[in-house]
Each structure stands twice: as C-alpha cells, then as structure tokens.
Amino acid sequence: MVFVFRLCSQKIKPNQYIMKPLKEINVKRTLTYTVVALAAIAVYFGLVHLVLMAANVSKSAPSTVYGLTTKRQFALVALGMGLISVVFGWRAFRKSGSRISVSNKKSGSVIAIITGIMAAISGVLNLATANGGPGSGNGVLGSAQAIVLGLTGVFLGGLAIVRFKRTNLSS
C-alpha cells in the first residue's frame, strides 16, 4: 500500500520514463542469447537422434507401453547422473577461470567426470540391451540423453581441469 502511494505521489515530468527506455535494454544481447539457446537445444536433440540411429533403435515401437518399467527407471537414473555431471562440470568450468580462489580443489570437475562416465556407460548398457525403439518400455530415449549429457559433463569437467592448470601456471 505504501509503495502504491509513493508511486502515485511522484510527479512525473513529460520526458521522464518510469520503465527503462528501449535504448537501455540490450535487445541485441537478448536476441543473441535466445538464438544460442535454440541452437543448443537443436544440437542436443540432434545428438540424441544420432545416438538412437547409431544404436539402430530410432524407429518407434508398434505398440506403446505405458507406465514406469524397470529399464525406464534405469534410464532415468542414468539421465539424472548425466544432468548432475553437466551441472558440476559447468560450475567447475565457471570457477576455474578465476585467478583468486578460496581453495585450489578440483573436486567439482572430478565429480563431473566420474558421474559423466557412469552416465554414459549406463546409457550404453541400456541401449545395448534394448530390443525396441521409443515407446517400447526400454528407456531408449532416456539412455540416449544420458549418453549425450554424460559426455557433455565429461567434456566440461576436462575443460575445467585444463583451464584450472593454465590459470595456476600463469599466476
């Protein structure tokens, strides 16, 4: 109520803006971030489809299985490990570039590499034992996503370690 009263009691001059003018909002940066995000999503799903085609399970099943099967649960666990790997890898990569650090531990990148390898191996094992495509109850899509996310986490963790060593050598 106080905020509304203060807002109404302000005298607004004709040339004064309440909101930021369009010049201050960086439209080009917002558009660039949007295009980069859409491109990253397209690359992600393209890689998932490539993994499914390489495993020869890209054709959908003739009859769809509903519910949570044991292979789908296994694929979800592998997918969760892959997601954890990407999160830890990204955080380690962002922290590795700073010259001033509280601790010189590389534990985030090591966690990213280990969980990424576990996710990729779990995804490969599930895809190797699958006998049907998407909708067959084998967790094929989750396994393919786990492979892509796990390898991405391994890549980010490795980049973080290399970047960490390079910043420590230069300082």
N, C-alpha and C. Protein backbone atom coordinates (compact mmCIF):
# COMPACT_ATOMS: atom_id res chain seq x y z
N MET A 1 0.82 -1.18 0.00
CA MET A 1 0.00 0.00 0.00
C MET A 1 0.87 1.25 0.00
N VAL A 2 1.97 1.20 0.75
CA VAL A 2 2.86 2.35 0.82
C VAL A 2 3.52 2.57 -0.53
N PHE A 3 3.91 1.46 -1.19
CA PHE A 3 4.55 1.55 -2.50
C PHE A 3 3.63 2.21 -3.51
N VAL A 4 2.36 1.85 -3.51
CA VAL A 4 1.39 2.43 -4.43
C VAL A 4 1.22 3.91 -4.14
N PHE A 5 1.17 4.28 -2.88
CA PHE A 5 1.03 5.68 -2.53
C PHE A 5 2.24 6.49 -3.00
N ARG A 6 3.44 5.94 -2.80
CA ARG A 6 4.64 6.64 -3.24
C ARG A 6 4.67 6.76 -4.75
N LEU A 7 4.25 5.73 -5.44
CA LEU A 7 4.25 5.76 -6.89
C LEU A 7 3.26 6.79 -7.41
N CYS A 8 2.11 6.90 -6.76
CA CYS A 8 1.10 7.86 -7.20
C CYS A 8 1.46 9.28 -6.80
N SER A 9 2.23 9.45 -5.73
CA SER A 9 2.55 10.79 -5.27
C SER A 9 3.73 11.40 -6.02
N GLN A 10 4.44 10.60 -6.81
CA GLN A 10 5.56 11.14 -7.57
C GLN A 10 5.03 12.01 -8.70
N LYS A 11 5.72 13.10 -8.89
CA LYS A 11 5.35 13.95 -10.01
C LYS A 11 6.16 13.51 -11.22
N ILE A 12 5.48 13.14 -12.25
CA ILE A 12 6.14 12.65 -13.44
C ILE A 12 6.21 13.77 -14.46
N LYS A 13 7.43 14.06 -14.87
CA LYS A 13 7.62 15.06 -15.91
C LYS A 13 7.32 14.41 -17.26
N PRO A 14 6.99 15.19 -18.26
CA PRO A 14 6.63 14.61 -19.55
C PRO A 14 7.74 13.78 -20.20
N ASN A 15 9.00 14.12 -19.98
CA ASN A 15 10.10 13.40 -20.63
C ASN A 15 10.74 12.36 -19.71
N GLN A 16 10.16 12.11 -18.56
CA GLN A 16 10.74 11.17 -17.61
C GLN A 16 10.12 9.78 -17.82
N TYR A 17 10.96 8.75 -17.83
CA TYR A 17 10.49 7.39 -18.03
C TYR A 17 10.38 6.69 -16.69
N ILE A 18 9.34 5.91 -16.53
CA ILE A 18 9.24 5.06 -15.35
C ILE A 18 9.98 3.75 -15.64
N MET A 19 9.75 3.22 -16.82
CA MET A 19 10.44 2.00 -17.23
C MET A 19 11.73 2.38 -17.94
N LYS A 20 12.61 1.41 -18.10
CA LYS A 20 13.84 1.67 -18.83
C LYS A 20 13.51 1.91 -20.29
N PRO A 21 14.17 2.86 -20.88
CA PRO A 21 13.92 3.06 -22.31
C PRO A 21 14.51 1.90 -23.12
N LEU A 22 14.07 1.78 -24.34
CA LEU A 22 14.49 0.68 -25.19
C LEU A 22 15.98 0.72 -25.46
N LYS A 23 16.57 1.89 -25.38
CA LYS A 23 18.00 2.01 -25.62
C LYS A 23 18.80 1.33 -24.52
N GLU A 24 18.28 1.34 -23.29
CA GLU A 24 18.99 0.73 -22.18
C GLU A 24 18.81 -0.79 -22.14
N ILE A 25 17.74 -1.29 -22.69
CA ILE A 25 17.53 -2.73 -22.75
C ILE A 25 18.30 -3.23 -23.97
N ASN A 26 19.25 -4.10 -23.74
CA ASN A 26 20.09 -4.56 -24.83
C ASN A 26 19.35 -5.63 -25.63
N VAL A 27 18.70 -5.21 -26.68
CA VAL A 27 17.90 -6.12 -27.49
C VAL A 27 18.78 -7.09 -28.25
N LYS A 28 19.91 -6.62 -28.70
CA LYS A 28 20.80 -7.47 -29.48
C LYS A 28 21.33 -8.63 -28.63
N ARG A 29 21.69 -8.35 -27.37
CA ARG A 29 22.19 -9.40 -26.50
C ARG A 29 21.09 -10.40 -26.17
N THR A 30 19.88 -9.91 -25.92
CA THR A 30 18.75 -10.80 -25.63
C THR A 30 18.45 -11.69 -26.82
N LEU A 31 18.45 -11.12 -28.00
CA LEU A 31 18.21 -11.91 -29.21
C LEU A 31 19.32 -12.93 -29.44
N THR A 32 20.56 -12.54 -29.17
CA THR A 32 21.68 -13.47 -29.33
C THR A 32 21.57 -14.63 -28.36
N TYR A 33 21.23 -14.35 -27.10
CA TYR A 33 21.06 -15.43 -26.12
C TYR A 33 19.92 -16.36 -26.53
N THR A 34 18.85 -15.82 -27.07
CA THR A 34 17.73 -16.65 -27.50
C THR A 34 18.14 -17.55 -28.65
N VAL A 35 18.85 -17.01 -29.62
CA VAL A 35 19.27 -17.81 -30.78
C VAL A 35 20.27 -18.88 -30.35
N VAL A 36 21.19 -18.53 -29.45
CA VAL A 36 22.17 -19.51 -28.98
C VAL A 36 21.48 -20.63 -28.20
N ALA A 37 20.50 -20.28 -27.38
CA ALA A 37 19.76 -21.30 -26.62
C ALA A 37 19.00 -22.23 -27.55
N LEU A 38 18.35 -21.68 -28.56
CA LEU A 38 17.62 -22.52 -29.51
C LEU A 38 18.58 -23.40 -30.31
N ALA A 39 19.74 -22.87 -30.66
CA ALA A 39 20.73 -23.68 -31.38
C ALA A 39 21.26 -24.80 -30.49
N ALA A 40 21.47 -24.52 -29.21
CA ALA A 40 21.95 -25.55 -28.29
C ALA A 40 20.91 -26.66 -28.11
N ILE A 41 19.64 -26.28 -28.05
CA ILE A 41 18.57 -27.28 -27.94
C ILE A 41 18.51 -28.13 -29.21
N ALA A 42 18.66 -27.49 -30.36
CA ALA A 42 18.63 -28.24 -31.62
C ALA A 42 19.82 -29.19 -31.72
N VAL A 43 20.99 -28.76 -31.29
CA VAL A 43 22.17 -29.64 -31.32
C VAL A 43 21.98 -30.79 -30.35
N TYR A 44 21.42 -30.51 -29.16
CA TYR A 44 21.19 -31.56 -28.16
C TYR A 44 20.27 -32.65 -28.72
N PHE A 45 19.13 -32.25 -29.26
CA PHE A 45 18.21 -33.26 -29.78
C PHE A 45 18.74 -33.91 -31.04
N GLY A 46 19.54 -33.20 -31.81
CA GLY A 46 20.20 -33.83 -32.96
C GLY A 46 21.17 -34.90 -32.53
N LEU A 47 21.93 -34.63 -31.47
CA LEU A 47 22.86 -35.64 -30.96
C LEU A 47 22.12 -36.84 -30.37
N VAL A 48 21.01 -36.59 -29.68
CA VAL A 48 20.21 -37.70 -29.15
C VAL A 48 19.69 -38.57 -30.30
N HIS A 49 19.20 -37.94 -31.35
CA HIS A 49 18.71 -38.70 -32.50
C HIS A 49 19.85 -39.46 -33.18
N LEU A 50 21.03 -38.85 -33.22
CA LEU A 50 22.19 -39.53 -33.80
C LEU A 50 22.57 -40.77 -33.00
N VAL A 51 22.50 -40.66 -31.67
CA VAL A 51 22.78 -41.81 -30.81
C VAL A 51 21.75 -42.91 -31.05
N LEU A 52 20.48 -42.53 -31.17
CA LEU A 52 19.44 -43.52 -31.43
C LEU A 52 19.64 -44.20 -32.79
N MET A 53 20.05 -43.43 -33.79
CA MET A 53 20.28 -44.02 -35.10
C MET A 53 21.50 -44.94 -35.08
N ALA A 54 22.54 -44.56 -34.33
CA ALA A 54 23.73 -45.40 -34.23
C ALA A 54 23.42 -46.71 -33.51
N ALA A 55 22.50 -46.66 -32.55
CA ALA A 55 22.12 -47.88 -31.82
C ALA A 55 21.06 -48.69 -32.56
N ASN A 56 20.60 -48.16 -33.68
CA ASN A 56 19.62 -48.83 -34.53
C ASN A 56 18.29 -49.06 -33.80
N VAL A 57 17.88 -48.08 -33.00
CA VAL A 57 16.60 -48.15 -32.30
C VAL A 57 15.81 -46.86 -32.50
N SER A 58 15.97 -46.23 -33.65
CA SER A 58 15.30 -44.95 -33.87
C SER A 58 13.85 -45.10 -34.31
N LYS A 59 13.45 -46.27 -34.75
CA LYS A 59 12.06 -46.49 -35.15
C LYS A 59 11.20 -46.70 -33.90
N SER A 60 10.03 -46.07 -33.89
CA SER A 60 9.17 -46.20 -32.72
C SER A 60 8.51 -47.57 -32.69
N ALA A 61 8.12 -47.98 -31.50
CA ALA A 61 7.54 -49.31 -31.31
C ALA A 61 6.13 -49.36 -31.89
N PRO A 62 5.73 -50.53 -32.40
CA PRO A 62 4.37 -50.64 -32.94
C PRO A 62 3.29 -50.52 -31.87
N SER A 63 3.59 -51.00 -30.67
CA SER A 63 2.64 -50.84 -29.56
C SER A 63 3.35 -50.13 -28.42
N THR A 64 2.70 -49.13 -27.89
CA THR A 64 3.31 -48.30 -26.86
C THR A 64 3.06 -48.89 -25.48
N VAL A 65 4.09 -48.93 -24.67
CA VAL A 65 4.00 -49.40 -23.29
C VAL A 65 3.90 -48.18 -22.39
N TYR A 66 2.87 -48.13 -21.56
CA TYR A 66 2.67 -47.02 -20.65
C TYR A 66 3.16 -47.41 -19.27
N GLY A 67 3.57 -46.44 -18.50
CA GLY A 67 3.99 -46.71 -17.13
C GLY A 67 5.50 -46.70 -17.01
N LEU A 68 5.95 -46.90 -15.79
CA LEU A 68 7.37 -46.85 -15.49
C LEU A 68 7.91 -48.27 -15.38
N THR A 69 8.63 -48.70 -16.39
CA THR A 69 9.22 -50.04 -16.38
C THR A 69 10.59 -49.98 -15.71
N THR A 70 11.18 -51.13 -15.46
CA THR A 70 12.49 -51.16 -14.79
C THR A 70 13.58 -50.57 -15.68
N LYS A 71 13.49 -50.78 -16.98
CA LYS A 71 14.50 -50.20 -17.87
C LYS A 71 14.34 -48.69 -17.97
N ARG A 72 13.11 -48.22 -17.89
CA ARG A 72 12.90 -46.77 -17.88
C ARG A 72 13.43 -46.17 -16.59
N GLN A 73 13.29 -46.87 -15.48
CA GLN A 73 13.85 -46.39 -14.22
C GLN A 73 15.37 -46.33 -14.30
N PHE A 74 15.98 -47.35 -14.90
CA PHE A 74 17.43 -47.37 -15.07
C PHE A 74 17.89 -46.20 -15.95
N ALA A 75 17.13 -45.94 -17.01
CA ALA A 75 17.47 -44.84 -17.90
C ALA A 75 17.30 -43.49 -17.20
N LEU A 76 16.28 -43.36 -16.34
CA LEU A 76 16.09 -42.12 -15.60
C LEU A 76 17.21 -41.87 -14.60
N VAL A 77 17.70 -42.93 -13.97
CA VAL A 77 18.82 -42.78 -13.04
C VAL A 77 20.07 -42.36 -13.82
N ALA A 78 20.29 -42.97 -14.97
CA ALA A 78 21.44 -42.60 -15.80
C ALA A 78 21.30 -41.15 -16.30
N LEU A 79 20.08 -40.77 -16.65
CA LEU A 79 19.83 -39.40 -17.09
C LEU A 79 20.07 -38.40 -15.96
N GLY A 80 19.68 -38.76 -14.75
CA GLY A 80 19.94 -37.90 -13.59
C GLY A 80 21.43 -37.75 -13.33
N MET A 81 22.19 -38.85 -13.47
CA MET A 81 23.64 -38.76 -13.30
C MET A 81 24.25 -37.87 -14.37
N GLY A 82 23.75 -37.96 -15.60
CA GLY A 82 24.25 -37.11 -16.66
C GLY A 82 23.96 -35.65 -16.41
N LEU A 83 22.78 -35.36 -15.89
CA LEU A 83 22.42 -33.98 -15.56
C LEU A 83 23.28 -33.44 -14.42
N ILE A 84 23.51 -34.26 -13.42
CA ILE A 84 24.40 -33.86 -12.32
C ILE A 84 25.81 -33.60 -12.84
N SER A 85 26.24 -34.43 -13.77
CA SER A 85 27.56 -34.25 -14.37
C SER A 85 27.68 -32.92 -15.09
N VAL A 86 26.65 -32.55 -15.85
CA VAL A 86 26.69 -31.28 -16.58
C VAL A 86 26.67 -30.11 -15.61
N VAL A 87 25.87 -30.19 -14.56
CA VAL A 87 25.80 -29.10 -13.58
C VAL A 87 27.14 -28.91 -12.88
N PHE A 88 27.74 -30.00 -12.40
CA PHE A 88 29.03 -29.89 -11.73
C PHE A 88 30.11 -29.46 -12.70
N GLY A 89 30.07 -29.96 -13.94
CA GLY A 89 31.06 -29.57 -14.94
C GLY A 89 30.96 -28.10 -15.28
N TRP A 90 29.74 -27.59 -15.43
CA TRP A 90 29.57 -26.17 -15.74
C TRP A 90 30.03 -25.29 -14.58
N ARG A 91 29.68 -25.68 -13.37
CA ARG A 91 30.10 -24.88 -12.21
C ARG A 91 31.61 -24.91 -12.05
N ALA A 92 32.22 -26.06 -12.28
CA ALA A 92 33.69 -26.14 -12.18
C ALA A 92 34.35 -25.35 -13.30
N PHE A 93 33.76 -25.36 -14.48
CA PHE A 93 34.31 -24.61 -15.60
C PHE A 93 34.23 -23.11 -15.34
N ARG A 94 33.12 -22.66 -14.76
CA ARG A 94 32.97 -21.23 -14.48
C ARG A 94 33.92 -20.78 -13.36
N LYS A 95 34.17 -21.64 -12.37
CA LYS A 95 35.05 -21.27 -11.26
C LYS A 95 36.52 -21.39 -11.63
N SER A 96 36.85 -22.22 -12.62
CA SER A 96 38.25 -22.49 -12.92
C SER A 96 38.96 -21.31 -13.56
N GLY A 97 38.23 -20.39 -14.14
CA GLY A 97 38.86 -19.25 -14.79
C GLY A 97 39.25 -18.13 -13.86
N SER A 98 38.74 -18.14 -12.65
CA SER A 98 39.06 -17.05 -11.72
C SER A 98 40.47 -17.23 -11.17
N ARG A 99 41.18 -16.14 -11.11
CA ARG A 99 42.56 -16.20 -10.61
C ARG A 99 42.59 -16.30 -9.09
N ILE A 100 41.65 -15.65 -8.45
CA ILE A 100 41.59 -15.68 -6.98
C ILE A 100 40.56 -16.72 -6.59
N SER A 101 41.01 -17.75 -5.91
CA SER A 101 40.07 -18.77 -5.47
C SER A 101 40.31 -19.05 -3.99
N VAL A 102 39.24 -19.42 -3.33
CA VAL A 102 39.32 -19.70 -1.90
C VAL A 102 40.10 -20.99 -1.67
N SER A 103 39.80 -21.99 -2.48
CA SER A 103 40.51 -23.26 -2.36
C SER A 103 40.92 -23.71 -3.74
N ASN A 104 42.00 -24.40 -3.81
CA ASN A 104 42.52 -24.87 -5.09
C ASN A 104 42.09 -26.30 -5.37
N LYS A 105 40.92 -26.67 -4.91
CA LYS A 105 40.44 -28.03 -5.13
C LYS A 105 39.76 -28.14 -6.47
N LYS A 106 39.94 -29.27 -7.11
CA LYS A 106 39.30 -29.52 -8.39
C LYS A 106 38.21 -30.58 -8.24
N SER A 107 37.56 -30.60 -7.10
CA SER A 107 36.61 -31.68 -6.82
C SER A 107 35.39 -31.61 -7.72
N GLY A 108 34.93 -30.41 -8.09
CA GLY A 108 33.75 -30.29 -8.95
C GLY A 108 33.99 -30.90 -10.31
N SER A 109 35.17 -30.67 -10.86
CA SER A 109 35.45 -31.23 -12.18
C SER A 109 35.65 -32.74 -12.10
N VAL A 110 36.21 -33.23 -11.01
CA VAL A 110 36.38 -34.68 -10.86
C VAL A 110 35.01 -35.35 -10.70
N ILE A 111 34.11 -34.75 -9.94
CA ILE A 111 32.75 -35.28 -9.80
C ILE A 111 32.05 -35.29 -11.15
N ALA A 112 32.24 -34.22 -11.93
CA ALA A 112 31.62 -34.15 -13.24
C ALA A 112 32.13 -35.25 -14.16
N ILE A 113 33.42 -35.50 -14.12
CA ILE A 113 33.99 -36.54 -14.99
C ILE A 113 33.52 -37.92 -14.56
N ILE A 114 33.54 -38.20 -13.27
CA ILE A 114 33.16 -39.54 -12.80
C ILE A 114 31.67 -39.80 -13.06
N THR A 115 30.79 -38.85 -12.70
CA THR A 115 29.37 -39.09 -12.93
C THR A 115 29.03 -39.09 -14.42
N GLY A 116 29.77 -38.33 -15.22
CA GLY A 116 29.55 -38.35 -16.66
C GLY A 116 29.91 -39.68 -17.28
N ILE A 117 31.03 -40.25 -16.84
CA ILE A 117 31.42 -41.57 -17.35
C ILE A 117 30.42 -42.63 -16.91
N MET A 118 29.97 -42.53 -15.66
CA MET A 118 28.97 -43.50 -15.19
C MET A 118 27.67 -43.38 -15.97
N ALA A 119 27.24 -42.16 -16.26
CA ALA A 119 26.00 -41.96 -17.01
C ALA A 119 26.14 -42.48 -18.43
N ALA A 120 27.26 -42.20 -19.07
CA ALA A 120 27.45 -42.67 -20.44
C ALA A 120 27.51 -44.19 -20.51
N ILE A 121 28.21 -44.81 -19.57
CA ILE A 121 28.29 -46.28 -19.56
C ILE A 121 26.91 -46.88 -19.28
N SER A 122 26.17 -46.30 -18.35
CA SER A 122 24.82 -46.81 -18.06
C SER A 122 23.91 -46.66 -19.27
N GLY A 123 24.01 -45.54 -19.97
CA GLY A 123 23.20 -45.34 -21.17
C GLY A 123 23.55 -46.32 -22.27
N VAL A 124 24.84 -46.56 -22.44
CA VAL A 124 25.27 -47.52 -23.47
C VAL A 124 24.79 -48.92 -23.13
N LEU A 125 24.90 -49.31 -21.86
CA LEU A 125 24.45 -50.65 -21.46
C LEU A 125 22.94 -50.81 -21.68
N ASN A 126 22.17 -49.79 -21.36
CA ASN A 126 20.74 -49.87 -21.54
C ASN A 126 20.38 -49.90 -23.03
N LEU A 127 21.09 -49.13 -23.84
CA LEU A 127 20.82 -49.16 -25.28
C LEU A 127 21.24 -50.49 -25.90
N ALA A 128 22.30 -51.08 -25.37
CA ALA A 128 22.76 -52.36 -25.92
C ALA A 128 21.78 -53.49 -25.65
N THR A 129 21.07 -53.41 -24.53
CA THR A 129 20.13 -54.48 -24.19
C THR A 129 18.71 -54.19 -24.67
N ALA A 130 18.48 -53.01 -25.24
CA ALA A 130 17.13 -52.65 -25.70
C ALA A 130 16.79 -53.42 -26.97
N ASN A 131 15.55 -53.87 -27.04
CA ASN A 131 15.11 -54.61 -28.22
C ASN A 131 13.99 -53.90 -28.96
N GLY A 132 13.79 -52.63 -28.69
CA GLY A 132 12.75 -51.86 -29.36
C GLY A 132 13.08 -50.40 -29.34
N GLY A 133 12.30 -49.61 -30.04
CA GLY A 133 12.55 -48.18 -30.13
C GLY A 133 11.81 -47.41 -29.06
N PRO A 134 11.64 -46.12 -29.30
CA PRO A 134 10.91 -45.28 -28.33
C PRO A 134 9.47 -45.75 -28.17
N GLY A 135 9.02 -45.84 -26.95
CA GLY A 135 7.66 -46.30 -26.66
C GLY A 135 7.59 -47.78 -26.35
N SER A 136 8.71 -48.48 -26.42
CA SER A 136 8.69 -49.92 -26.15
C SER A 136 8.87 -50.25 -24.68
N GLY A 137 9.15 -49.25 -23.85
CA GLY A 137 9.32 -49.50 -22.42
C GLY A 137 10.74 -49.83 -22.04
N ASN A 138 11.68 -49.67 -22.97
CA ASN A 138 13.08 -50.00 -22.71
C ASN A 138 13.92 -48.82 -22.24
N GLY A 139 13.35 -47.64 -22.18
CA GLY A 139 14.11 -46.47 -21.75
C GLY A 139 15.14 -46.02 -22.76
N VAL A 140 14.81 -46.14 -24.03
CA VAL A 140 15.76 -45.84 -25.09
C VAL A 140 16.07 -44.35 -25.15
N LEU A 141 15.05 -43.51 -25.07
CA LEU A 141 15.28 -42.07 -25.14
C LEU A 141 16.06 -41.56 -23.94
N GLY A 142 15.74 -42.05 -22.76
CA GLY A 142 16.48 -41.65 -21.56
C GLY A 142 17.93 -42.07 -21.62
N SER A 143 18.18 -43.24 -22.18
CA SER A 143 19.55 -43.72 -22.30
C SER A 143 20.34 -42.88 -23.29
N ALA A 144 19.72 -42.54 -24.40
CA ALA A 144 20.40 -41.71 -25.39
C ALA A 144 20.71 -40.33 -24.81
N GLN A 145 19.76 -39.77 -24.06
CA GLN A 145 20.01 -38.47 -23.43
C GLN A 145 21.08 -38.58 -22.36
N ALA A 146 21.11 -39.70 -21.65
CA ALA A 146 22.14 -39.90 -20.62
C ALA A 146 23.53 -39.95 -21.25
N ILE A 147 23.64 -40.58 -22.42
CA ILE A 147 24.93 -40.63 -23.11
C ILE A 147 25.38 -39.23 -23.49
N VAL A 148 24.48 -38.45 -24.09
CA VAL A 148 24.84 -37.11 -24.54
C VAL A 148 25.18 -36.21 -23.34
N LEU A 149 24.36 -36.23 -22.30
CA LEU A 149 24.63 -35.39 -21.13
C LEU A 149 25.88 -35.86 -20.39
N GLY A 150 26.09 -37.16 -20.29
CA GLY A 150 27.29 -37.67 -19.62
C GLY A 150 28.56 -37.26 -20.33
N LEU A 151 28.58 -37.38 -21.65
CA LEU A 151 29.77 -36.98 -22.40
C LEU A 151 29.97 -35.46 -22.36
N THR A 152 28.88 -34.71 -22.30
CA THR A 152 28.99 -33.26 -22.16
C THR A 152 29.59 -32.90 -20.81
N GLY A 153 29.16 -33.58 -19.76
CA GLY A 153 29.71 -33.34 -18.43
C GLY A 153 31.19 -33.71 -18.34
N VAL A 154 31.57 -34.81 -19.00
CA VAL A 154 32.99 -35.20 -19.03
C VAL A 154 33.81 -34.13 -19.75
N PHE A 155 33.27 -33.63 -20.85
CA PHE A 155 33.95 -32.59 -21.62
C PHE A 155 34.12 -31.32 -20.80
N LEU A 156 33.06 -30.89 -20.12
CA LEU A 156 33.14 -29.68 -19.29
C LEU A 156 34.09 -29.86 -18.11
N GLY A 157 34.07 -31.04 -17.49
CA GLY A 157 35.00 -31.31 -16.39
C GLY A 157 36.44 -31.31 -16.85
N GLY A 158 36.69 -31.90 -18.02
CA GLY A 158 38.05 -31.88 -18.58
C GLY A 158 38.51 -30.48 -18.92
N LEU A 159 37.61 -29.69 -19.51
CA LEU A 159 37.96 -28.29 -19.80
C LEU A 159 38.25 -27.52 -18.53
N ALA A 160 37.51 -27.80 -17.47
CA ALA A 160 37.73 -27.11 -16.20
C ALA A 160 39.10 -27.46 -15.63
N ILE A 161 39.50 -28.71 -15.73
CA ILE A 161 40.82 -29.11 -15.21
C ILE A 161 41.93 -28.44 -16.01
N VAL A 162 41.80 -28.43 -17.33
CA VAL A 162 42.83 -27.80 -18.17
C VAL A 162 42.89 -26.30 -17.89
N ARG A 163 41.74 -25.67 -17.77
CA ARG A 163 41.69 -24.24 -17.50
C ARG A 163 42.24 -23.92 -16.11
N PHE A 164 41.97 -24.80 -15.15
CA PHE A 164 42.47 -24.61 -13.78
C PHE A 164 44.00 -24.67 -13.78
N LYS A 165 44.55 -25.65 -14.49
CA LYS A 165 46.02 -25.77 -14.54
C LYS A 165 46.65 -24.57 -15.23
N ARG A 166 45.99 -24.08 -16.30
CA ARG A 166 46.55 -22.96 -17.04
C ARG A 166 46.53 -21.67 -16.21
N THR A 167 45.46 -21.43 -15.44
CA THR A 167 45.42 -20.22 -14.61
C THR A 167 46.40 -20.33 -13.43
N ASN A 168 46.65 -21.53 -12.94
CA ASN A 168 47.61 -21.68 -11.85
C ASN A 168 49.04 -21.52 -12.35
N LEU A 169 49.31 -21.92 -13.59
CA LEU A 169 50.65 -21.75 -14.14
C LEU A 169 50.95 -20.30 -14.45
N SER A 170 49.96 -19.55 -14.88
CA SER A 170 50.19 -18.16 -15.25
C SER A 170 50.28 -17.24 -14.04
N SER A 171 49.77 -17.65 -12.89
CA SER A 171 49.83 -16.76 -11.72
C SER A 171 50.95 -17.11 -10.79
